[in-house]
N, C-alpha and C. Protein backbone atom coordinates (compact mmCIF):
# COMPACT_ATOMS: atom_id res chain seq x y z
N MET A 1 103.94 104.01 88.18
CA MET A 1 104.86 104.71 87.87
C MET A 1 105.80 103.46 88.58
N VAL A 2 107.22 103.17 87.38
CA VAL A 2 107.81 102.11 87.56
C VAL A 2 109.25 102.97 87.55
N PRO A 3 110.09 103.20 88.27
CA PRO A 3 111.41 104.20 87.97
C PRO A 3 112.32 103.36 87.48
N VAL A 4 113.16 103.72 86.53
CA VAL A 4 114.07 102.77 86.19
C VAL A 4 115.46 103.01 86.56
N LEU A 5 116.39 102.14 87.52
CA LEU A 5 117.83 102.69 87.04
C LEU A 5 118.75 102.30 86.22
N LYS A 6 119.19 102.60 85.23
CA LYS A 6 120.26 102.15 83.77
C LYS A 6 121.50 101.50 84.52
N ASP A 7 121.62 100.58 83.97
CA ASP A 7 122.90 99.45 83.41
C ASP A 7 123.21 99.57 85.17
N VAL A 8 122.90 98.71 86.10
CA VAL A 8 122.93 98.28 87.60
C VAL A 8 124.48 97.59 87.46
N ASP A 9 124.06 96.87 86.90
CA ASP A 9 124.77 95.62 86.71
C ASP A 9 126.71 96.53 86.10
N ALA A 10 126.72 97.17 85.87
CA ALA A 10 128.14 97.61 85.70
C ALA A 10 128.55 99.27 86.63
N LYS A 11 127.60 99.24 87.80
CA LYS A 11 127.87 100.01 88.87
C LYS A 11 128.26 99.44 90.42
N ASP A 12 128.87 100.32 90.88
CA ASP A 12 128.96 99.55 92.15
C ASP A 12 127.65 99.78 93.01
N LEU A 13 127.94 99.42 94.44
CA LEU A 13 126.76 99.57 95.67
C LEU A 13 126.57 101.28 95.35
N VAL A 14 127.51 101.92 96.20
CA VAL A 14 127.75 103.38 96.61
C VAL A 14 126.71 104.29 95.11
N GLN A 15 127.24 103.73 93.76
CA GLN A 15 126.60 104.69 92.74
C GLN A 15 125.20 103.90 92.59
N ILE A 16 124.50 103.37 93.11
CA ILE A 16 123.77 102.35 92.70
C ILE A 16 122.64 103.01 93.97
N SER A 17 122.66 103.38 94.97
CA SER A 17 122.72 104.69 96.27
C SER A 17 122.20 105.44 95.70
N ILE A 18 123.05 105.91 95.57
CA ILE A 18 123.06 107.45 95.20
C ILE A 18 121.95 107.63 94.03
N GLU A 19 122.24 106.89 93.29
CA GLU A 19 120.88 107.15 91.98
C GLU A 19 119.67 106.47 92.23
N SER A 20 119.55 105.94 93.08
CA SER A 20 118.31 105.19 93.28
C SER A 20 117.59 106.30 94.76
N ARG A 21 118.33 106.72 95.03
CA ARG A 21 117.93 107.97 95.75
C ARG A 21 117.43 109.18 95.35
N GLN A 22 117.99 109.36 93.71
CA GLN A 22 117.72 110.98 93.17
C GLN A 22 116.39 110.33 92.06
N LEU A 23 116.44 109.06 91.84
CA LEU A 23 115.59 108.41 91.21
C LEU A 23 114.08 109.00 91.50
N ILE A 24 114.17 108.28 92.89
CA ILE A 24 112.99 107.81 93.79
C ILE A 24 112.37 109.35 94.48
N GLU A 25 113.10 110.31 94.45
CA GLU A 25 113.23 111.69 95.15
C GLU A 25 111.55 112.12 93.75
N ARG A 26 112.93 111.98 92.68
CA ARG A 26 111.60 112.46 91.55
C ARG A 26 110.29 112.15 91.14
N ALA A 27 110.72 110.56 91.32
CA ALA A 27 109.15 109.81 91.16
C ALA A 27 108.58 110.33 92.46
N ARG A 28 108.72 110.29 93.54
CA ARG A 28 108.08 111.08 94.61
C ARG A 28 107.45 112.22 94.94
N ALA A 29 107.80 113.05 94.26
CA ALA A 29 107.79 114.25 93.38
C ALA A 29 106.62 114.43 92.67
N GLY A 30 106.88 113.60 92.17
CA GLY A 30 105.40 113.64 90.49
C GLY A 30 106.50 114.09 89.60
N LYS A 31 108.02 114.35 89.36
CA LYS A 31 108.62 114.53 88.63
C LYS A 31 110.03 113.99 87.60
N PRO A 32 109.45 112.71 87.34
CA PRO A 32 110.12 111.59 86.76
C PRO A 32 110.42 112.60 85.16
N SER A 33 111.54 112.38 84.36
CA SER A 33 111.83 112.60 83.21
C SER A 33 111.27 111.01 82.56
N PRO A 34 111.18 111.33 81.42
CA PRO A 34 110.56 110.30 80.08
C PRO A 34 111.52 109.22 80.53
N GLN A 35 112.78 109.39 80.29
CA GLN A 35 114.11 107.84 80.73
C GLN A 35 114.05 108.02 82.05
N ASP A 36 113.49 107.89 82.67
CA ASP A 36 113.48 107.63 84.39
C ASP A 36 112.49 106.57 84.13
N LEU A 37 111.62 106.28 83.28
CA LEU A 37 110.80 105.13 82.86
C LEU A 37 110.60 104.14 81.79
N GLU A 38 111.57 104.16 81.30
CA GLU A 38 112.00 103.51 80.27
C GLU A 38 112.66 102.99 79.97
N GLY A 39 112.87 101.66 79.33
CA GLY A 39 114.01 100.65 79.75
C GLY A 39 114.11 99.88 80.33
N GLY A 40 112.99 99.46 81.24
CA GLY A 40 113.36 98.71 82.51
C GLY A 40 114.03 96.96 81.87
N THR A 41 114.25 96.32 82.80
CA THR A 41 114.04 94.59 82.06
C THR A 41 113.65 93.98 83.84
N PHE A 42 114.21 94.20 84.84
CA PHE A 42 113.66 93.52 86.02
C PHE A 42 113.45 94.37 86.67
N SER A 43 112.15 94.36 87.85
CA SER A 43 111.77 95.35 88.59
C SER A 43 111.86 94.82 90.04
N LEU A 44 111.72 95.57 91.25
CA LEU A 44 111.83 95.08 92.70
C LEU A 44 110.87 95.85 92.91
N SER A 45 109.98 94.37 94.06
CA SER A 45 108.65 95.32 94.67
C SER A 45 108.97 95.06 95.92
N ASN A 46 108.76 95.72 96.97
CA ASN A 46 109.55 96.08 98.21
C ASN A 46 107.99 96.08 99.36
N LEU A 47 107.06 95.47 99.63
CA LEU A 47 105.91 95.36 100.55
C LEU A 47 106.52 95.26 102.01
N GLY A 48 107.39 94.50 102.06
CA GLY A 48 107.95 94.35 103.51
C GLY A 48 108.23 95.24 104.47
N MET A 49 108.42 96.69 103.65
CA MET A 49 108.80 97.87 104.50
C MET A 49 106.76 98.18 105.05
N PHE A 50 105.89 97.86 104.36
CA PHE A 50 104.85 97.78 105.10
C PHE A 50 104.14 96.68 105.56
N GLY A 51 105.01 95.89 106.50
CA GLY A 51 104.56 94.88 107.03
C GLY A 51 104.38 93.46 106.35
N VAL A 52 104.62 93.37 104.78
CA VAL A 52 103.86 92.41 104.42
C VAL A 52 104.31 91.36 104.30
N THR A 53 104.42 90.00 104.47
CA THR A 53 105.40 88.80 104.74
C THR A 53 105.61 88.58 103.62
N GLU A 54 104.31 88.01 102.70
CA GLU A 54 104.89 87.57 101.33
C GLU A 54 103.85 87.84 100.49
N PHE A 55 104.35 88.12 99.41
CA PHE A 55 103.06 88.25 98.34
C PHE A 55 103.42 87.76 96.65
N ALA A 56 102.99 87.72 95.87
CA ALA A 56 103.24 87.41 94.18
C ALA A 56 103.10 88.58 93.51
N ALA A 57 104.00 89.27 92.94
CA ALA A 57 104.04 90.58 92.28
C ALA A 57 103.62 90.62 90.91
N VAL A 58 103.29 91.07 90.17
CA VAL A 58 102.86 91.15 88.54
C VAL A 58 104.20 91.26 87.83
N VAL A 59 104.88 90.73 86.80
CA VAL A 59 105.63 91.53 85.70
C VAL A 59 104.88 92.51 85.03
N ASN A 60 106.23 93.34 85.12
CA ASN A 60 105.77 94.76 84.37
C ASN A 60 105.94 94.43 82.89
N VAL A 61 105.36 94.35 81.74
CA VAL A 61 105.39 94.23 80.72
C VAL A 61 106.48 95.37 80.13
N PRO A 62 106.94 95.09 79.26
CA PRO A 62 107.87 93.98 78.41
C PRO A 62 108.85 93.83 79.73
N GLU A 63 109.06 93.98 80.85
CA GLU A 63 110.23 93.46 81.76
C GLU A 63 109.90 91.89 81.69
N ALA A 64 111.38 91.47 82.21
CA ALA A 64 111.07 89.91 82.47
C ALA A 64 110.58 89.20 83.44
N ALA A 65 111.21 89.82 84.71
CA ALA A 65 111.34 89.13 85.88
C ALA A 65 110.16 90.75 87.07
N ILE A 66 110.05 90.19 88.15
CA ILE A 66 109.63 90.80 89.08
C ILE A 66 109.92 90.26 90.35
N LEU A 67 111.32 90.74 91.19
CA LEU A 67 111.67 90.30 92.60
C LEU A 67 110.26 91.04 93.33
N ALA A 68 109.62 90.13 94.34
CA ALA A 68 108.84 90.61 95.62
C ALA A 68 109.54 90.24 96.43
N VAL A 69 109.50 91.02 97.72
CA VAL A 69 110.34 91.10 98.91
C VAL A 69 109.52 91.71 100.12
N GLY A 70 109.77 90.36 101.11
CA GLY A 70 108.58 90.84 102.14
C GLY A 70 109.34 91.26 103.51
N VAL A 71 108.62 91.18 104.91
CA VAL A 71 109.25 91.83 105.82
C VAL A 71 110.63 90.61 106.11
N VAL A 72 111.50 91.26 107.16
CA VAL A 72 112.30 90.72 107.44
C VAL A 72 111.39 90.98 108.96
N ALA A 73 111.63 89.32 109.82
CA ALA A 73 110.86 88.90 110.87
C ALA A 73 111.89 88.09 111.44
N ASP A 74 111.50 87.97 112.89
CA ASP A 74 112.36 87.26 113.95
C ASP A 74 111.50 85.92 114.40
N GLU A 75 112.40 84.67 113.80
CA GLU A 75 112.03 83.88 114.14
C GLU A 75 112.85 83.08 114.33
N PRO A 76 112.78 81.54 114.56
CA PRO A 76 113.47 80.61 115.13
C PRO A 76 114.29 80.18 114.37
N VAL A 77 115.40 79.67 113.60
CA VAL A 77 116.03 78.93 112.98
C VAL A 77 117.02 78.28 113.33
N VAL A 78 117.48 77.07 112.50
CA VAL A 78 118.42 76.25 112.94
C VAL A 78 119.65 76.86 112.39
N GLU A 79 120.76 76.52 113.23
CA GLU A 79 121.99 76.59 113.03
C GLU A 79 122.79 75.29 113.52
N GLU A 80 123.69 74.84 112.66
CA GLU A 80 125.08 73.68 113.45
C GLU A 80 123.72 72.66 114.16
N GLY A 81 122.81 72.22 113.76
CA GLY A 81 121.55 71.14 114.73
C GLY A 81 121.02 72.04 116.55
N ARG A 82 121.61 73.57 116.29
CA ARG A 82 120.50 73.96 117.21
C ARG A 82 119.55 75.50 116.62
N VAL A 83 118.22 75.31 117.22
CA VAL A 83 117.46 76.05 117.46
C VAL A 83 117.90 77.48 117.93
N VAL A 84 118.25 78.63 116.84
CA VAL A 84 118.84 79.94 117.95
C VAL A 84 117.74 81.00 117.37
N PRO A 85 117.68 82.08 117.57
CA PRO A 85 117.04 83.45 117.40
C PRO A 85 117.69 83.82 115.73
N GLY A 86 116.73 84.04 114.93
CA GLY A 86 117.30 84.55 113.76
C GLY A 86 116.26 85.49 112.90
N LYS A 87 116.56 85.99 111.76
CA LYS A 87 115.73 87.04 110.86
C LYS A 87 115.79 85.89 109.26
N THR A 88 114.02 86.25 108.95
CA THR A 88 114.21 85.34 108.11
C THR A 88 113.04 86.54 107.15
N MET A 89 113.23 86.37 105.83
CA MET A 89 112.98 87.09 104.56
C MET A 89 112.74 86.27 104.00
N LYS A 90 111.10 86.60 103.54
CA LYS A 90 110.47 85.63 101.88
C LYS A 90 110.91 86.49 100.90
N MET A 91 110.74 86.08 99.73
CA MET A 91 111.80 86.75 98.47
C MET A 91 110.42 85.54 97.31
N THR A 92 109.69 86.33 96.11
CA THR A 92 108.81 85.62 95.49
C THR A 92 109.41 85.93 93.70
N LEU A 93 109.69 85.33 92.77
CA LEU A 93 110.17 86.15 91.56
C LEU A 93 109.23 85.58 90.51
N SER A 94 108.75 86.71 90.37
CA SER A 94 107.61 86.40 89.09
C SER A 94 108.68 86.18 87.47
N VAL A 95 108.64 85.38 87.11
CA VAL A 95 109.34 85.65 85.41
C VAL A 95 108.43 85.30 84.14
N ASP A 96 108.61 86.12 83.12
CA ASP A 96 107.27 85.80 81.96
C ASP A 96 108.97 84.96 81.36
N HIS A 97 107.81 83.67 81.17
CA HIS A 97 108.59 82.81 80.65
C HIS A 97 108.86 82.72 79.15
N ARG A 98 108.09 83.32 78.88
CA ARG A 98 108.77 84.00 77.15
C ARG A 98 109.91 84.42 77.22
N VAL A 99 110.45 84.93 78.45
CA VAL A 99 111.83 85.42 78.45
C VAL A 99 112.91 84.90 79.14
N LEU A 100 112.23 84.03 80.01
CA LEU A 100 113.17 83.29 81.05
C LEU A 100 113.13 81.97 81.39
N TYR A 101 113.74 81.21 81.75
CA TYR A 101 113.70 79.93 81.66
C TYR A 101 113.04 79.96 83.61
N GLY A 102 112.33 79.01 84.17
CA GLY A 102 111.91 79.35 85.33
C GLY A 102 113.28 78.45 86.10
N ALA A 103 113.82 77.52 86.09
CA ALA A 103 115.13 76.98 86.55
C ALA A 103 116.35 78.34 86.60
N ASN A 104 116.66 79.01 85.19
CA ASN A 104 117.25 80.51 85.53
C ASN A 104 116.47 81.47 86.86
N GLY A 105 115.92 81.81 86.88
CA GLY A 105 114.90 82.01 87.64
C GLY A 105 115.47 81.54 89.78
N ALA A 106 115.51 80.32 89.38
CA ALA A 106 115.77 79.20 90.54
C ALA A 106 117.09 79.56 91.12
N GLN A 107 117.94 79.50 90.35
CA GLN A 107 119.42 80.03 90.33
C GLN A 107 119.90 81.45 90.47
N PHE A 108 118.79 82.19 89.79
CA PHE A 108 119.11 84.07 90.54
C PHE A 108 118.40 84.03 91.76
N LEU A 109 117.23 83.51 92.41
CA LEU A 109 117.31 83.48 93.40
C LEU A 109 117.94 82.83 94.76
N ALA A 110 118.71 81.77 94.36
CA ALA A 110 119.79 81.48 95.23
C ALA A 110 121.11 82.29 95.14
N GLU A 111 121.42 83.10 94.49
CA GLU A 111 122.54 84.00 94.41
C GLU A 111 122.50 84.67 95.18
N VAL A 112 120.45 85.26 95.04
CA VAL A 112 120.05 86.35 95.81
C VAL A 112 120.71 86.09 97.64
N LYS A 113 119.54 84.52 98.08
CA LYS A 113 119.91 84.38 99.02
C LYS A 113 121.42 84.13 99.91
N GLY A 114 122.58 83.78 98.44
CA GLY A 114 123.64 83.61 99.36
C GLY A 114 124.63 85.12 99.70
N LEU A 115 124.07 86.17 98.77
CA LEU A 115 124.25 87.38 98.84
C LEU A 115 123.92 88.27 100.06
N LEU A 116 122.55 87.73 100.78
CA LEU A 116 122.45 87.92 101.56
C LEU A 116 122.66 87.43 102.93
N GLU A 117 122.87 86.12 102.71
CA GLU A 117 123.65 85.90 103.48
C GLU A 117 124.87 85.95 104.20
N ASN A 118 125.80 86.33 103.04
CA ASN A 118 127.25 87.20 103.18
C ASN A 118 127.07 88.37 102.62
N PRO A 119 126.56 89.16 103.34
CA PRO A 119 126.59 90.43 102.71
C PRO A 119 128.24 91.28 102.08
N VAL A 120 128.20 90.82 102.80
CA VAL A 120 130.54 91.30 103.00
C VAL A 120 130.74 91.51 100.75
N SER A 121 130.04 90.30 100.65
CA SER A 121 130.37 89.86 99.39
C SER A 121 130.25 90.60 98.44
N LEU A 122 128.73 91.66 99.00
CA LEU A 122 128.74 92.77 98.04
C LEU A 122 129.54 93.72 97.88
N VAL A 123 130.49 94.26 98.70
CA VAL A 123 131.44 94.95 98.60
C VAL A 123 133.14 95.00 98.14
N LEU A 124 133.15 93.35 97.74
CA LEU A 124 134.16 93.09 97.71
C LEU A 124 134.17 92.75 96.08
N PRO A 125 135.49 93.07 95.80
CA PRO A 125 135.83 92.68 94.24
C PRO A 125 135.53 90.94 94.23
N PRO A 126 135.28 90.74 92.64
CA PRO A 126 135.19 89.28 92.55
C PRO A 126 136.48 88.84 92.98
N GLY A 127 136.09 87.13 93.20
CA GLY A 127 137.11 86.49 93.46
C GLY A 127 137.94 86.30 94.80
N GLU A 128 137.72 87.79 95.42
CA GLU A 128 137.94 87.29 96.92
C GLU A 128 137.68 87.26 98.00
């Protein structure tokens, strides 16, 4: 069962959070509506919440792609030439190459990385 949030590109984070919580509650209760399960184009699979470091998720047909998200882990990272404590997370993007080019997938991952490294940009209007 893959619940689907609709028109996410036109919603802010608060709307997405509220709607996803409601959708997840219906799915967990075994009471999703038919509309809750149709029309998906992209999926997110988070096994990181179960301690999984890295995995490859399978695209849910007829969707175009799925992002597999691993656990956030404490690891040494290099900042300005110094090794310091940091947090890392591995993500894997699986795409249906009949629908998307791999290069577009790589650009998408780079954008997600940038947003995660600068999360305040998720709440600021574009261009600020």
